[in-house]
Structure formats: C-alpha cells, structure tokens
C-alpha atoms as a PDB file:
ATOM      1  CA  MET A   1     -16.168 -50.729  21.355  1.00  0.00           C
ATOM      2  CA  ASN A   2     -15.422 -50.472  17.673  1.00  0.00           C
ATOM      3  CA  PRO A   3     -12.230 -48.670  16.709  1.00  0.00           C
ATOM      4  CA  ILE A   4     -13.809 -47.278  13.322  1.00  0.00           C
ATOM      5  CA  LEU A   5     -16.941 -46.058  15.156  1.00  0.00           C
ATOM      6  CA  ALA A   6     -14.745 -44.567  18.052  1.00  0.00           C
ATOM      7  CA  ASN A   7     -12.630 -42.668  15.376  1.00  0.00           C
ATOM      8  CA  SER A   8     -15.731 -41.452  13.867  1.00  0.00           C
ATOM      9  CA  LEU A   9     -16.669 -39.828  17.041  1.00  0.00           C
ATOM     10  CA  VAL A  10     -13.573 -38.219  17.646  1.00  0.00           C
ATOM     11  CA  ASN A  11     -13.514 -36.616  14.600  1.00  0.00           C
ATOM     12  CA  VAL A  12     -17.124 -35.687  14.596  1.00  0.00           C
ATOM     13  CA  GLY A  13     -16.269 -34.083  18.045  1.00  0.00           C
ATOM     14  CA  LYS A  14     -12.973 -32.581  17.050  1.00  0.00           C
ATOM     15  CA  SER A  15     -14.807 -30.657  13.937  1.00  0.00           C
ATOM     16  CA  LEU A  16     -17.737 -29.652  16.266  1.00  0.00           C
ATOM     17  CA  ILE A  17     -15.338 -27.918  18.673  1.00  0.00           C
ATOM     18  CA  ASP A  18     -13.132 -26.423  15.939  1.00  0.00           C
ATOM     19  CA  GLN A  19     -16.338 -24.978  14.177  1.00  0.00           C
ATOM     20  CA  LEU A  20     -17.629 -23.353  17.660  1.00  0.00           C
ATOM     21  CA  SER A  21     -14.236 -22.219  18.768  1.00  0.00           C
ATOM     22  CA  ILE A  22     -12.364 -21.179  15.927  1.00  0.00           C
ATOM     23  CA  PRO A  23     -13.503 -17.550  14.344  1.00  0.00           C
ATOM     24  CA  PRO A  24     -14.093 -17.759  10.690  1.00  0.00           C
ATOM     25  CA  PRO A  25     -10.978 -16.534   8.848  1.00  0.00           C
ATOM     26  CA  SER A  26     -11.636 -12.977   7.518  1.00  0.00           C
ATOM     27  CA  GLN A  27     -11.559 -12.423   3.570  1.00  0.00           C
ATOM     28  CA  TYR A  28     -10.246  -9.866   1.548  1.00  0.00           C
ATOM     29  CA  LYS A  29     -12.852  -7.901  -0.344  1.00  0.00           C
ATOM     30  CA  VAL A  30     -11.995  -6.195  -3.194  1.00  0.00           C
ATOM     31  CA  GLY A  31     -14.194  -2.711  -3.859  1.00  0.00           C
ATOM     32  CA  ASN A  32     -15.920  -1.778  -6.776  1.00  0.00           C
ATOM     33  CA  LYS A  33     -13.323   0.672  -7.918  1.00  0.00           C
ATOM     34  CA  THR A  34     -11.070  -0.325 -10.574  1.00  0.00           C
ATOM     35  CA  PHE A  35      -7.120  -0.339 -10.035  1.00  0.00           C
ATOM     36  CA  SER A  36      -6.444   3.425 -11.752  1.00  0.00           C
ATOM     37  CA  ALA A  37      -9.591   5.209  -9.732  1.00  0.00           C
ATOM     38  CA  GLU A  38      -7.573   3.647  -6.156  1.00  0.00           C
ATOM     39  CA  LEU A  39      -4.171   4.675  -7.403  1.00  0.00           C
ATOM     40  CA  ASP A  40      -5.579   8.247  -8.255  1.00  0.00           C
ATOM     41  CA  ASN A  41      -6.826   8.145  -4.923  1.00  0.00           C
ATOM     42  CA  VAL A  42      -3.615   7.446  -3.156  1.00  0.00           C
ATOM     43  CA  ALA A  43      -1.767   9.907  -5.723  1.00  0.00           C
ATOM     44  CA  SER A  44      -4.139  12.510  -4.690  1.00  0.00           C
ATOM     45  CA  THR A  45      -3.275  12.374  -1.099  1.00  0.00           C
ATOM     46  CA  THR A  46       0.430  12.844  -1.592  1.00  0.00           C
ATOM     47  CA  HIS A  47      -0.108  16.233  -3.368  1.00  0.00           C
ATOM     48  CA  ILE A  48       1.048  19.230  -1.610  1.00  0.00           C
ATOM     49  CA  ASN A  49      -1.786  21.013   0.018  1.00  0.00           C
ATOM     50  CA  GLN A  50      -2.711  24.584  -1.216  1.00  0.00           C
ATOM     51  CA  SER A  51      -1.945  25.873   2.278  1.00  0.00           C
ATOM     52  CA  THR A  52       1.647  24.192   2.124  1.00  0.00           C
ATOM     53  CA  ASN A  53       2.095  25.785  -1.266  1.00  0.00           C
ATOM     54  CA  SER A  54       1.689  29.129  -0.112  1.00  0.00           C
ATOM     55  CA  LEU A  55       3.783  29.024   2.786  1.00  0.00           C
ATOM     56  CA  ARG A  56       6.501  27.615   0.779  1.00  0.00           C
ATOM     57  CA  GLN A  57       5.900  30.600  -1.406  1.00  0.00           C
ATOM     58  CA  LYS A  58       6.060  33.198   1.322  1.00  0.00           C
ATOM     59  CA  LEU A  59       9.198  31.482   2.786  1.00  0.00           C
ATOM     60  CA  MET A  60      10.941  31.922  -0.782  1.00  0.00           C
ATOM     61  CA  GLN A  61      10.143  35.153  -0.684  1.00  0.00           C
ATOM     62  CA  ASP A  62      12.031  35.982   2.264  1.00  0.00           C
ATOM     63  CA  PRO A  63      15.562  37.623   1.789  1.00  0.00           C
ATOM     64  CA  ALA A  64      17.500  35.547   4.106  1.00  0.00           C
ATOM     65  CA  ILE A  65      16.149  32.382   2.289  1.00  0.00           C
ATOM     66  CA  GLN A  66      16.636  33.685  -1.069  1.00  0.00           C
ATOM     67  CA  SER A  67      19.933  34.574  -0.272  1.00  0.00           C
ATOM     68  CA  PHE A  68      20.668  31.263   1.121  1.00  0.00           C
ATOM     69  CA  LEU A  69      18.976  29.518  -2.232  1.00  0.00           C
ATOM     70  CA  SER A  70      21.050  31.696  -4.496  1.00  0.00           C
ATOM     71  CA  ASN A  71      24.251  30.555  -2.644  1.00  0.00           C
ATOM     72  CA  ASN A  72      23.085  26.744  -2.747  1.00  0.00           C
ATOM     73  CA  ALA A  73      21.782  26.718  -6.817  1.00  0.00           C
ATOM     74  CA  GLY A  74      21.290  22.980  -7.588  1.00  0.00           C
ATOM     75  CA  ASN A  75      21.415  21.667  -3.847  1.00  0.00           C
ATOM     76  CA  GLU A  76      18.574  20.345  -1.736  1.00  0.00           C
ATOM     77  CA  ILE A  77      17.234  22.641   0.843  1.00  0.00           C
ATOM     78  CA  TYR A  78      16.330  21.385   4.122  1.00  0.00           C
ATOM     79  CA  PHE A  79      14.295  22.938   7.185  1.00  0.00           C
ATOM     80  CA  GLN A  80      15.064  21.840  10.787  1.00  0.00           C
ATOM     81  CA  LYS A  81      13.491  22.665  14.158  1.00  0.00           C
ATOM     82  CA  ARG A  82      16.186  22.932  16.771  1.00  0.00           C
ATOM     83  CA  ALA A  83      15.356  22.441  20.421  1.00  0.00           C
ATOM     84  CA  ASP A  84      15.901  26.332  21.355  1.00  0.00           C
ATOM     85  CA  GLY A  85      12.740  26.863  19.138  1.00  0.00           C
ATOM     86  CA  SER A  86      14.991  28.366  16.260  1.00  0.00           C
ATOM     87  CA  SER A  87      15.415  26.808  12.868  1.00  0.00           C
ATOM     88  CA  GLN A  88      17.770  25.708  10.945  1.00  0.00           C
ATOM     89  CA  ILE A  89      18.241  25.779   7.156  1.00  0.00           C
ATOM     90  CA  LEU A  90      20.641  23.195   5.515  1.00  0.00           C
ATOM     91  CA  SER A  91      22.034  22.589   1.986  1.00  0.00           C
ATOM     92  CA  SER A  92      22.917  19.223   0.983  1.00  0.00           C
ATOM     93  CA  SER A  93      26.169  20.739   0.400  1.00  0.00           C
ATOM     94  CA  GLY A  94      26.759  21.436   3.953  1.00  0.00           C
ATOM     95  CA  ASP A  95      25.884  24.938   4.397  1.00  0.00           C
ATOM     96  CA  ALA A  96      23.594  25.563   6.997  1.00  0.00           C
ATOM     97  CA  ILE A  97      22.461  29.228   8.267  1.00  0.00           C
ATOM     98  CA  THR A  98      20.448  29.508  11.948  1.00  0.00           C
ATOM     99  CA  ILE A  99      16.875  31.267  11.890  1.00  0.00           C
ATOM    100  CA  PHE A 100      16.709  33.166  15.461  1.00  0.00           C
ATOM    101  CA  ARG A 101      13.328  31.942  17.575  1.00  0.00           C
ATOM    102  CA  ASP A 102      11.875  35.431  17.310  1.00  0.00           C
ATOM    103  CA  SER A 103      12.015  36.348  13.805  1.00  0.00           C
ATOM    104  CA  PRO A 104       8.842  35.980  11.728  1.00  0.00           C
ATOM    105  CA  THR A 105      10.963  33.518   8.974  1.00  0.00           C
ATOM    106  CA  ASN A 106      11.153  31.211  11.687  1.00  0.00           C
ATOM    107  CA  THR A 107       7.619  31.274  12.543  1.00  0.00           C
ATOM    108  CA  LEU A 108       6.725  30.600   8.610  1.00  0.00           C
ATOM    109  CA  ILE A 109       9.572  28.103   8.930  1.00  0.00           C
ATOM    110  CA  HIS A 110       7.689  26.237  11.821  1.00  0.00           C
ATOM    111  CA  GLN A 111       4.366  26.546  10.218  1.00  0.00           C
ATOM    112  CA  TYR A 112       5.793  24.909   7.086  1.00  0.00           C
ATOM    113  CA  PHE A 113       7.299  22.254   8.932  1.00  0.00           C
ATOM    114  CA  ASN A 114       4.346  21.239  11.120  1.00  0.00           C
ATOM    115  CA  GLN A 115       2.203  21.274   7.870  1.00  0.00           C
ATOM    116  CA  CYS A 116       4.530  19.051   5.826  1.00  0.00           C
ATOM    117  CA  VAL A 117       4.828  16.759   8.700  1.00  0.00           C
ATOM    118  CA  ARG A 118       0.957  16.783   9.017  1.00  0.00           C
ATOM    119  CA  GLU A 119       0.453  16.190   5.634  1.00  0.00           C
ATOM    120  CA  GLY A 120       3.260  13.679   5.081  1.00  0.00           C
ATOM    121  CA  VAL A 121       4.786  15.536   2.274  1.00  0.00           C
ATOM    122  CA  CYS A 122       7.802  17.121   1.713  1.00  0.00           C
ATOM    123  CA  GLN A 123       9.981  14.871   4.223  1.00  0.00           C
ATOM    124  CA  SER A 124      13.414  14.156   3.729  1.00  0.00           C
ATOM    125  CA  VAL A 125      14.242  10.447   3.271  1.00  0.00           C
ATOM    126  CA  HIS A 126      17.998  11.009   3.809  1.00  0.00           C
ATOM    127  CA  ARG A 127      17.843  13.674   6.701  1.00  0.00           C
ATOM    128  CA  PRO A 128      15.496  12.421   9.476  1.00  0.00           C
ATOM    129  CA  GLY A 129      13.518  14.980  11.303  1.00  0.00           C
ATOM    130  CA  THR A 130      13.910  17.427   8.057  1.00  0.00           C
ATOM    131  CA  VAL A 131      11.655  18.729   5.916  1.00  0.00           C
ATOM    132  CA  LEU A 132      12.620  19.194   2.072  1.00  0.00           C
ATOM    133  CA  LEU A 133      11.853  22.748   0.436  1.00  0.00           C
ATOM    134  CA  LYS A 134      10.524  21.843  -2.871  1.00  0.00           C
ATOM    135  CA  GLU A 135      11.243  24.210  -6.153  1.00  0.00           C
END
C-alpha cells in the first residue's frame, strides 16, 4: 500500500472521529450591555437592603448598644452569634458585651445578622463569622 495514501486515510479517520466524539468548544458571548451598565448592576446588588438598614437603625436605638458605641467611638463594631443562642457585640478595641438569649435586642441582632448573611453585606473580612455594624 502506498504510504502517502495510508497516511491520508489515517488523518481523515482521525479528524472524523475527533469531530464526532469531542463536543465543540463553548464560546464566551458578550452581552449587549455596556461595561458601565454591568458595573451598575453588580454595584446595586452590594447595597444594603432597606429592611437591613431599618434593622440596623433599630439596633442603634437600643440603650445597651448606644452605650457600647459611645464607649467604643471610632472602633469597628461586630455582631457574633453564640452557640447558646445569645449574641456578643465585639469592638475592634477588644471590648465585648454579651446580649442574653431572651432579650428583644438579641432577636434584633439575630435578624440583622441573618439578613446580612443572606444579602452578603456587612460581613467582616477580618473576623469570620461576624457581621459588621456600619455607621
């Protein structure tokens, strides 16, 4: 058999098998949106929801939290859930207070914490498992 003809037949067979067995590569399709429109869409999803903001305002009005904030002015304030159902308010200065499980403030902290986690906002990069109280 002619080696050139044999090589051509092998190449045709190989290309036919490759085309039938390998799926075509997926291509990235760019949408019709401009970059600024896509950027605005991403930025709008990171804003704090109105219900989250109202929960934060209610927490800021609580006397225990107001006292803690006044003692830790200029520091970052974090909320942390505890295993026993209570909450802990932490300051970047190291100060902390515990809010007991049965208090209405604890309920608000848990609602705020869950809402922030659900929305992916106010989560602390430096303290995993905590939510930052933004001012």
